[in-house]
Amino acid sequence: MRNVALWARYAETTGEVEVSGTRAGLLALAGVLRCGGGLALAPVADPAPYDRALVRLGVRLRRAGRVRVSVDGGVLVVEGGPESIAVLAENAEGFAAEADDPRHHLHIEYFPGHFYLAEGSAPLVLARDGDTSPGD
């Protein structure tokens, strides 16, 4: 598992997860989504306005199925079939390529009939940050 410029924070009350990082960090996210496995996430000095920082990303590739994003302890878990996870990876790559302003973010949330997210998947926000960890 390697460290990258990628941070994750979790809001316990809403279940929302924010994954933020540099362009390279977001591209690394897309890569690990496609290949499975995990990444050590960079430390966060202060997770506010979220409740806590997550320390690791784990990707579980299944034979098929929509993507489910969840939190297990300090781990952000993304699981699903390769076709659905590829769509999430493409969204991360596209966002990394287009988001130059650190205030830009992308909401990825389940709604009935969503074509690649599973019901019960945690709301996910991708954010583009500079070269420092949130809270520094």
Protein backbone atom coordinates (compact mmCIF):
# COMPACT_ATOMS: atom_id res chain seq x y z
CA MET A 1 0.00 0.00 0.00
CA ARG A 2 1.44 3.40 -0.92
CA ASN A 3 0.84 6.90 0.42
CA VAL A 4 -0.58 9.47 -1.96
CA ALA A 5 -1.80 13.06 -1.71
CA LEU A 6 -5.34 11.88 -1.02
CA TRP A 7 -7.40 12.52 2.12
CA ALA A 8 -10.77 11.23 3.26
CA ARG A 9 -13.11 12.58 5.91
CA TYR A 10 -16.36 11.11 7.21
CA ALA A 11 -19.49 12.75 8.65
CA GLU A 12 -21.07 10.28 11.06
CA THR A 13 -24.43 12.09 11.20
CA THR A 14 -25.04 12.18 7.44
CA GLY A 15 -22.85 9.27 6.35
CA GLU A 16 -21.18 11.53 3.77
CA VAL A 17 -17.59 10.85 2.76
CA GLU A 18 -15.35 13.48 1.22
CA VAL A 19 -12.29 12.33 -0.72
CA SER A 20 -10.00 15.18 -1.62
CA GLY A 21 -6.60 15.31 -3.15
CA THR A 22 -4.20 16.75 -5.61
CA ARG A 23 -4.65 15.95 -9.28
CA ALA A 24 -2.14 13.09 -8.89
CA GLY A 25 -3.96 11.84 -5.81
CA LEU A 26 -7.31 11.74 -7.61
CA LEU A 27 -5.70 9.92 -10.53
CA ALA A 28 -4.24 7.41 -8.05
CA LEU A 29 -7.77 6.95 -6.68
CA ALA A 30 -9.01 6.12 -10.19
CA GLY A 31 -6.15 3.66 -10.67
CA VAL A 32 -6.78 1.75 -7.46
CA LEU A 33 -10.50 1.66 -8.23
CA ARG A 34 -9.76 -0.10 -11.51
CA CYS A 35 -7.20 -2.55 -10.09
CA GLY A 36 -8.56 -3.23 -6.62
CA GLY A 37 -6.43 -3.30 -3.51
CA GLY A 38 -5.84 -0.35 -1.27
CA LEU A 39 -4.16 2.94 -0.57
CA ALA A 40 -2.93 4.50 2.65
CA LEU A 41 -4.57 7.90 2.90
CA ALA A 42 -2.62 10.96 3.98
CA PRO A 43 -3.19 12.10 7.58
CA VAL A 44 -5.60 14.95 8.29
CA ALA A 45 -4.69 17.34 11.10
CA ASP A 46 -8.28 18.49 11.68
CA PRO A 47 -11.23 16.75 9.98
CA ALA A 48 -13.66 19.65 10.58
CA PRO A 49 -16.34 20.18 9.39
CA TYR A 50 -16.45 16.37 9.22
CA ASP A 51 -16.32 14.16 12.31
CA ARG A 52 -13.24 12.11 11.58
CA ALA A 53 -10.52 11.33 9.11
CA LEU A 54 -10.18 7.97 7.39
CA VAL A 55 -6.79 6.28 7.17
CA ARG A 56 -7.14 3.83 4.32
CA LEU A 57 -9.02 3.14 1.10
CA GLY A 58 -9.89 -0.45 0.28
CA VAL A 59 -11.37 -1.53 -3.04
CA ARG A 60 -13.11 -4.89 -3.35
CA LEU A 61 -13.77 -5.94 -6.92
CA ARG A 62 -16.78 -8.24 -7.25
CA ARG A 63 -17.82 -10.27 -10.26
CA ALA A 64 -20.75 -7.95 -10.90
CA GLY A 65 -22.95 -5.41 -9.22
CA ARG A 66 -23.30 -1.74 -8.60
CA VAL A 67 -20.84 0.27 -6.53
CA ARG A 68 -21.33 0.52 -2.79
CA VAL A 69 -19.33 3.09 -0.84
CA SER A 70 -19.16 2.55 2.92
CA VAL A 71 -17.00 3.20 5.96
CA ASP A 72 -15.71 0.42 8.18
CA GLY A 73 -13.83 1.86 11.15
CA GLY A 74 -11.14 4.06 9.65
CA VAL A 75 -11.39 2.49 6.20
CA LEU A 76 -13.25 3.81 3.18
CA VAL A 77 -14.54 0.73 1.37
CA VAL A 78 -15.57 0.77 -2.29
CA GLU A 79 -16.93 -2.46 -3.71
CA GLY A 80 -18.71 -3.51 -6.86
CA GLY A 81 -18.42 -5.09 -10.25
CA PRO A 82 -15.74 -4.01 -12.70
CA GLU A 83 -18.12 -2.23 -15.08
CA SER A 84 -19.69 -0.10 -12.35
CA ILE A 85 -16.38 0.65 -10.66
CA ALA A 86 -14.94 1.67 -14.05
CA VAL A 87 -17.62 4.37 -14.31
CA LEU A 88 -16.68 5.71 -10.86
CA ALA A 89 -13.00 5.64 -11.87
CA GLU A 90 -13.82 7.58 -15.06
CA ASN A 91 -15.66 10.18 -12.99
CA ALA A 92 -12.61 10.57 -10.72
CA GLU A 93 -10.28 10.89 -13.73
CA GLY A 94 -12.52 13.42 -15.45
CA PHE A 95 -12.83 15.45 -12.29
CA ALA A 96 -9.06 15.39 -11.74
CA ALA A 97 -8.48 16.63 -15.28
CA GLU A 98 -11.05 19.43 -15.16
CA ALA A 99 -11.01 20.77 -11.58
CA ASP A 100 -8.36 23.48 -11.35
CA ASP A 101 -10.02 25.44 -8.56
CA PRO A 102 -9.68 23.90 -5.06
CA ARG A 103 -13.28 24.90 -4.38
CA HIS A 104 -14.59 22.59 -7.11
CA HIS A 105 -16.21 19.39 -5.98
CA LEU A 106 -18.28 16.57 -7.41
CA HIS A 107 -21.22 14.97 -5.58
CA ILE A 108 -21.79 11.28 -6.28
CA GLU A 109 -24.99 10.14 -4.58
CA TYR A 110 -27.43 7.28 -4.98
CA PHE A 111 -30.95 7.95 -6.23
CA PRO A 112 -33.57 5.37 -7.25
CA GLY A 113 -32.59 3.95 -10.63
CA HIS A 114 -28.97 5.11 -10.40
CA PHE A 115 -27.09 3.22 -13.10
CA TYR A 116 -23.88 2.42 -11.22
CA LEU A 117 -24.44 3.09 -7.48
CA ALA A 118 -26.12 0.59 -5.18
CA GLU A 119 -28.92 1.57 -2.84
CA GLY A 120 -27.44 2.34 0.57
CA SER A 121 -24.17 3.60 -0.86
CA ALA A 122 -22.75 6.45 1.22
CA PRO A 123 -22.89 9.90 -0.38
CA LEU A 124 -19.46 10.66 -1.82
CA VAL A 125 -17.91 14.04 -2.54
CA LEU A 126 -14.73 14.35 -4.61
CA ALA A 127 -12.79 17.55 -4.03
CA ARG A 128 -9.67 19.00 -5.58
CA ASP A 129 -7.14 20.31 -3.06
CA GLY A 130 -3.71 21.78 -3.29
CA ASP A 131 -0.58 20.19 -1.91
CA THR A 132 -1.45 20.37 1.79
CA SER A 133 -3.66 18.21 3.93
CA PRO A 134 -7.02 19.58 5.13
CA GLY A 135 -6.60 21.20 8.51
CA ASP A 136 -2.93 22.13 8.02
